[in-house]
C-alpha cells in the first residue's frame, strides 16, 4: 500500500462494481452502516460524458462517529468514511 496525503491506494483484483459490492457486504456483515453508493460513471453518462468506472462508498458507525463529532465538530469533514474504486484508462479504453 502507498500513503499519500492521507490517501491509501490499493489495487483490487476485481472490477470496480465487484470491489464495491464485496466491500459493502463485508461492512454490512460487521454491522457498519453503508450511507451511500455513488456511481460517478452512471452520472457522467446521464449528461453525455464518458468516465471510466468510478464508484464511491460512504460508510461508518454513528455510535462511534457521533462522540468524535461532539468532541470536535470539524471531524464531520472526515466522516463518514469513504472508499473510491475506479478503473484506469491505460489505452483508448478503460481497464
N, C-alpha and C. Protein backbone atom coordinates (compact mmCIF):
# COMPACT_ATOMS: atom_id res chain seq x y z
N UNK A 1 0.83 -1.18 0.00
CA UNK A 1 0.00 0.00 0.00
C UNK A 1 0.87 1.24 0.00
N UNK A 2 0.31 2.31 -0.56
CA UNK A 2 1.05 3.56 -0.68
C UNK A 2 0.21 4.67 -0.04
N UNK A 3 0.78 5.41 0.89
CA UNK A 3 0.07 6.51 1.53
C UNK A 3 0.55 7.82 0.95
N UNK A 4 -0.41 8.71 0.62
CA UNK A 4 -0.08 9.99 0.02
C UNK A 4 -1.12 11.00 0.49
N UNK A 5 -0.72 11.93 1.33
CA UNK A 5 -1.65 12.94 1.86
C UNK A 5 -2.86 12.30 2.54
N UNK A 6 -2.64 11.21 3.24
CA UNK A 6 -3.72 10.54 3.94
C UNK A 6 -4.54 9.61 3.07
N UNK A 7 -4.20 9.51 1.79
CA UNK A 7 -4.93 8.63 0.88
C UNK A 7 -4.12 7.35 0.73
N UNK A 8 -4.79 6.23 0.89
CA UNK A 8 -4.14 4.93 0.73
C UNK A 8 -4.64 4.33 -0.57
N UNK A 9 -3.73 3.98 -1.45
CA UNK A 9 -4.06 3.34 -2.73
C UNK A 9 -3.81 1.85 -2.62
N UNK A 10 -4.78 1.07 -3.05
CA UNK A 10 -4.66 -0.38 -3.02
C UNK A 10 -5.29 -0.96 -4.27
N UNK A 11 -4.53 -1.71 -5.04
CA UNK A 11 -5.09 -2.34 -6.23
C UNK A 11 -6.05 -3.45 -5.82
N UNK A 12 -7.13 -3.58 -6.56
CA UNK A 12 -8.09 -4.65 -6.33
C UNK A 12 -8.00 -5.63 -7.50
N UNK A 13 -8.09 -6.92 -7.21
CA UNK A 13 -8.10 -7.89 -8.30
C UNK A 13 -9.46 -7.98 -8.99
N UNK A 14 -10.43 -7.22 -8.50
CA UNK A 14 -11.79 -7.27 -9.01
C UNK A 14 -12.14 -5.99 -9.77
N UNK A 15 -13.15 -6.07 -10.61
CA UNK A 15 -13.66 -4.88 -11.30
C UNK A 15 -14.25 -3.92 -10.27
N UNK A 16 -14.46 -2.69 -10.68
CA UNK A 16 -14.95 -1.65 -9.77
C UNK A 16 -16.24 -2.06 -9.07
N UNK A 17 -17.23 -2.48 -9.83
CA UNK A 17 -18.52 -2.83 -9.23
C UNK A 17 -18.38 -3.98 -8.24
N UNK A 18 -17.63 -5.00 -8.61
CA UNK A 18 -17.45 -6.14 -7.70
C UNK A 18 -16.65 -5.74 -6.47
N UNK A 19 -15.67 -4.88 -6.63
CA UNK A 19 -14.90 -4.41 -5.48
C UNK A 19 -15.81 -3.72 -4.47
N UNK A 20 -16.66 -2.82 -4.94
CA UNK A 20 -17.56 -2.09 -4.04
C UNK A 20 -18.63 -3.02 -3.48
N UNK A 21 -19.16 -3.94 -4.31
CA UNK A 21 -20.14 -4.92 -3.81
C UNK A 21 -19.56 -5.73 -2.66
N UNK A 22 -18.35 -6.21 -2.84
CA UNK A 22 -17.71 -7.06 -1.83
C UNK A 22 -17.44 -6.28 -0.54
N UNK A 23 -16.95 -5.06 -0.69
CA UNK A 23 -16.69 -4.24 0.49
C UNK A 23 -17.99 -3.92 1.23
N UNK A 24 -19.03 -3.55 0.49
CA UNK A 24 -20.31 -3.22 1.13
C UNK A 24 -20.86 -4.43 1.89
N UNK A 25 -20.73 -5.62 1.33
CA UNK A 25 -21.21 -6.83 2.01
C UNK A 25 -20.44 -7.09 3.30
N UNK A 26 -19.12 -6.89 3.26
CA UNK A 26 -18.30 -7.08 4.46
C UNK A 26 -18.69 -6.08 5.54
N UNK A 27 -18.84 -4.81 5.14
CA UNK A 27 -19.21 -3.78 6.11
C UNK A 27 -20.55 -4.08 6.74
N UNK A 28 -21.54 -4.42 5.92
CA UNK A 28 -22.87 -4.70 6.44
C UNK A 28 -22.86 -5.92 7.36
N UNK A 29 -22.07 -6.93 7.03
CA UNK A 29 -21.97 -8.11 7.89
C UNK A 29 -21.38 -7.78 9.25
N UNK A 30 -20.58 -6.72 9.30
CA UNK A 30 -19.98 -6.29 10.56
C UNK A 30 -20.82 -5.24 11.29
N UNK A 31 -22.01 -4.97 10.75
CA UNK A 31 -22.90 -4.00 11.39
C UNK A 31 -22.54 -2.55 11.14
N UNK A 32 -21.73 -2.30 10.13
CA UNK A 32 -21.33 -0.94 9.78
C UNK A 32 -22.32 -0.41 8.74
N UNK A 33 -22.80 0.78 8.95
CA UNK A 33 -23.80 1.38 8.08
C UNK A 33 -23.19 1.84 6.77
N UNK A 34 -23.82 1.45 5.66
CA UNK A 34 -23.47 1.99 4.35
C UNK A 34 -24.46 3.11 4.09
N UNK A 35 -23.97 4.34 4.05
CA UNK A 35 -24.83 5.50 3.89
C UNK A 35 -25.19 5.78 2.44
N UNK A 36 -24.23 5.58 1.55
CA UNK A 36 -24.49 5.89 0.14
C UNK A 36 -23.48 5.20 -0.74
N UNK A 37 -23.92 4.98 -1.96
CA UNK A 37 -23.05 4.46 -3.02
C UNK A 37 -23.29 5.33 -4.23
N UNK A 38 -22.26 5.98 -4.70
CA UNK A 38 -22.38 6.91 -5.81
C UNK A 38 -21.65 6.33 -7.02
N UNK A 39 -22.37 6.17 -8.10
CA UNK A 39 -21.79 5.66 -9.34
C UNK A 39 -21.51 6.87 -10.23
N UNK A 40 -20.29 7.36 -10.19
CA UNK A 40 -19.91 8.56 -10.95
C UNK A 40 -19.98 8.32 -12.45
N UNK A 41 -19.65 7.11 -12.89
CA UNK A 41 -19.72 6.80 -14.32
C UNK A 41 -21.16 6.92 -14.82
N UNK A 42 -22.11 6.38 -14.07
CA UNK A 42 -23.51 6.46 -14.47
C UNK A 42 -24.00 7.90 -14.49
N UNK A 43 -23.57 8.70 -13.54
CA UNK A 43 -23.97 10.11 -13.51
C UNK A 43 -23.37 10.88 -14.68
N UNK A 44 -22.13 10.56 -15.03
CA UNK A 44 -21.49 11.22 -16.17
C UNK A 44 -22.25 10.88 -17.45
N UNK A 45 -22.64 9.62 -17.60
CA UNK A 45 -23.37 9.19 -18.80
C UNK A 45 -24.70 9.94 -18.94
N UNK A 46 -25.33 10.26 -17.81
CA UNK A 46 -26.61 10.98 -17.84
C UNK A 46 -26.49 12.35 -18.50
N UNK A 47 -25.30 12.92 -18.46
CA UNK A 47 -25.09 14.24 -19.06
C UNK A 47 -24.23 14.15 -20.32
N UNK A 48 -24.14 12.93 -20.87
CA UNK A 48 -23.45 12.75 -22.14
C UNK A 48 -21.94 12.73 -22.07
N UNK A 49 -21.37 12.47 -20.90
CA UNK A 49 -19.92 12.44 -20.75
C UNK A 49 -19.44 11.01 -20.50
N UNK A 50 -18.18 10.78 -20.81
CA UNK A 50 -17.59 9.46 -20.64
C UNK A 50 -16.64 9.46 -19.45
N UNK A 51 -16.72 8.42 -18.65
CA UNK A 51 -15.85 8.28 -17.49
C UNK A 51 -15.61 6.80 -17.27
N UNK A 52 -14.38 6.45 -16.94
CA UNK A 52 -14.09 5.07 -16.58
C UNK A 52 -14.93 4.70 -15.36
N UNK A 53 -15.18 3.41 -15.12
CA UNK A 53 -15.94 3.02 -13.93
C UNK A 53 -15.36 3.67 -12.67
N UNK A 54 -16.21 4.35 -11.95
CA UNK A 54 -15.80 5.06 -10.74
C UNK A 54 -16.96 5.04 -9.76
N UNK A 55 -16.77 4.44 -8.58
CA UNK A 55 -17.81 4.37 -7.57
C UNK A 55 -17.25 4.77 -6.22
N UNK A 56 -18.08 5.49 -5.47
CA UNK A 56 -17.71 5.97 -4.13
C UNK A 56 -18.66 5.34 -3.13
N UNK A 57 -18.12 4.78 -2.06
CA UNK A 57 -18.92 4.19 -1.00
C UNK A 57 -18.69 4.99 0.27
N UNK A 58 -19.78 5.45 0.90
CA UNK A 58 -19.71 6.19 2.16
C UNK A 58 -20.26 5.29 3.25
N UNK A 59 -19.50 5.13 4.33
CA UNK A 59 -19.90 4.20 5.38
C UNK A 59 -19.37 4.65 6.74
N UNK A 60 -19.95 4.10 7.78
CA UNK A 60 -19.47 4.42 9.11
C UNK A 60 -20.34 3.81 10.18
N UNK A 61 -20.06 4.22 11.40
CA UNK A 61 -20.77 3.73 12.56
C UNK A 61 -21.17 4.95 13.39
N UNK A 62 -22.44 5.37 13.31
CA UNK A 62 -22.86 6.57 14.05
C UNK A 62 -22.56 6.49 15.56
N UNK A 63 -22.61 5.28 16.13
CA UNK A 63 -22.32 5.15 17.56
C UNK A 63 -20.87 5.53 17.87
N UNK A 64 -19.97 5.24 16.93
CA UNK A 64 -18.56 5.60 17.12
C UNK A 64 -18.26 7.01 16.65
N UNK A 65 -18.88 7.42 15.55
CA UNK A 65 -18.57 8.72 14.96
C UNK A 65 -19.18 9.90 15.68
N UNK A 66 -20.37 9.73 16.22
CA UNK A 66 -21.05 10.86 16.88
C UNK A 66 -20.24 11.43 18.03
N UNK A 67 -19.71 10.61 18.96
CA UNK A 67 -18.90 11.19 20.04
C UNK A 67 -17.68 11.95 19.52
N UNK A 68 -17.09 11.49 18.43
CA UNK A 68 -15.95 12.20 17.85
C UNK A 68 -16.36 13.59 17.38
N UNK A 69 -17.54 13.67 16.74
CA UNK A 69 -18.02 14.96 16.24
C UNK A 69 -18.49 15.87 17.37
N UNK A 70 -19.00 15.29 18.44
CA UNK A 70 -19.39 16.09 19.61
C UNK A 70 -18.14 16.74 20.20
N UNK A 71 -17.08 15.97 20.31
CA UNK A 71 -15.84 16.48 20.88
C UNK A 71 -15.16 17.49 19.95
N UNK A 72 -15.26 17.25 18.65
CA UNK A 72 -14.61 18.12 17.67
C UNK A 72 -15.47 18.16 16.41
N UNK A 73 -16.36 19.17 16.31
CA UNK A 73 -17.30 19.22 15.19
C UNK A 73 -16.66 19.16 13.80
N UNK A 74 -15.44 19.63 13.64
CA UNK A 74 -14.82 19.60 12.32
C UNK A 74 -14.47 18.18 11.88
N UNK A 75 -14.55 17.20 12.78
CA UNK A 75 -14.35 15.80 12.40
C UNK A 75 -15.39 15.38 11.38
N UNK A 76 -16.50 16.09 11.33
CA UNK A 76 -17.56 15.78 10.36
C UNK A 76 -17.05 15.94 8.93
N UNK A 77 -15.96 16.67 8.74
CA UNK A 77 -15.36 16.77 7.41
C UNK A 77 -14.76 15.43 6.97
N UNK A 78 -14.35 14.62 7.92
CA UNK A 78 -13.73 13.33 7.62
C UNK A 78 -14.72 12.17 7.69
N UNK A 79 -15.89 12.43 8.25
CA UNK A 79 -16.87 11.37 8.43
C UNK A 79 -18.10 11.65 7.58
N UNK A 80 -18.75 10.66 7.02
CA UNK A 80 -18.42 9.25 7.15
C UNK A 80 -17.14 8.91 6.37
N UNK A 81 -16.68 7.71 6.62
CA UNK A 81 -15.50 7.22 5.90
C UNK A 81 -15.88 6.96 4.45
N UNK A 82 -14.87 6.97 3.59
CA UNK A 82 -15.13 6.83 2.15
C UNK A 82 -14.12 5.89 1.51
N UNK A 83 -14.60 5.16 0.50
CA UNK A 83 -13.73 4.36 -0.34
C UNK A 83 -14.10 4.67 -1.78
N UNK A 84 -13.09 4.93 -2.59
CA UNK A 84 -13.30 5.20 -4.01
C UNK A 84 -12.65 4.08 -4.81
N UNK A 85 -13.44 3.48 -5.70
CA UNK A 85 -12.89 2.48 -6.62
C UNK A 85 -13.04 3.03 -8.02
N UNK A 86 -11.95 2.94 -8.80
CA UNK A 86 -12.00 3.48 -10.15
C UNK A 86 -11.16 2.64 -11.09
N UNK A 87 -11.60 2.60 -12.34
CA UNK A 87 -10.85 1.93 -13.39
C UNK A 87 -9.86 2.90 -13.99
N UNK A 88 -8.77 2.36 -14.46
CA UNK A 88 -7.74 3.20 -15.06
C UNK A 88 -7.85 3.19 -16.58
N UNK A 89 -7.61 4.32 -17.19
CA UNK A 89 -7.58 4.40 -18.65
C UNK A 89 -6.12 4.18 -19.06
N UNK A 90 -5.83 2.94 -19.42
CA UNK A 90 -4.46 2.59 -19.81
C UNK A 90 -4.26 2.68 -21.31
N UNK A 91 -5.35 2.61 -22.05
CA UNK A 91 -5.31 2.72 -23.52
C UNK A 91 -6.48 3.61 -23.90
N UNK A 92 -7.01 3.41 -25.07
CA UNK A 92 -8.17 4.19 -25.51
C UNK A 92 -9.43 3.77 -24.75
N UNK A 93 -9.34 2.67 -24.00
CA UNK A 93 -10.49 2.20 -23.26
C UNK A 93 -10.13 2.12 -21.77
N UNK A 94 -11.13 1.98 -20.95
CA UNK A 94 -10.90 1.84 -19.51
C UNK A 94 -10.61 0.40 -19.18
N UNK A 95 -9.72 0.16 -18.24
CA UNK A 95 -9.42 -1.20 -17.77
C UNK A 95 -9.85 -1.36 -16.34
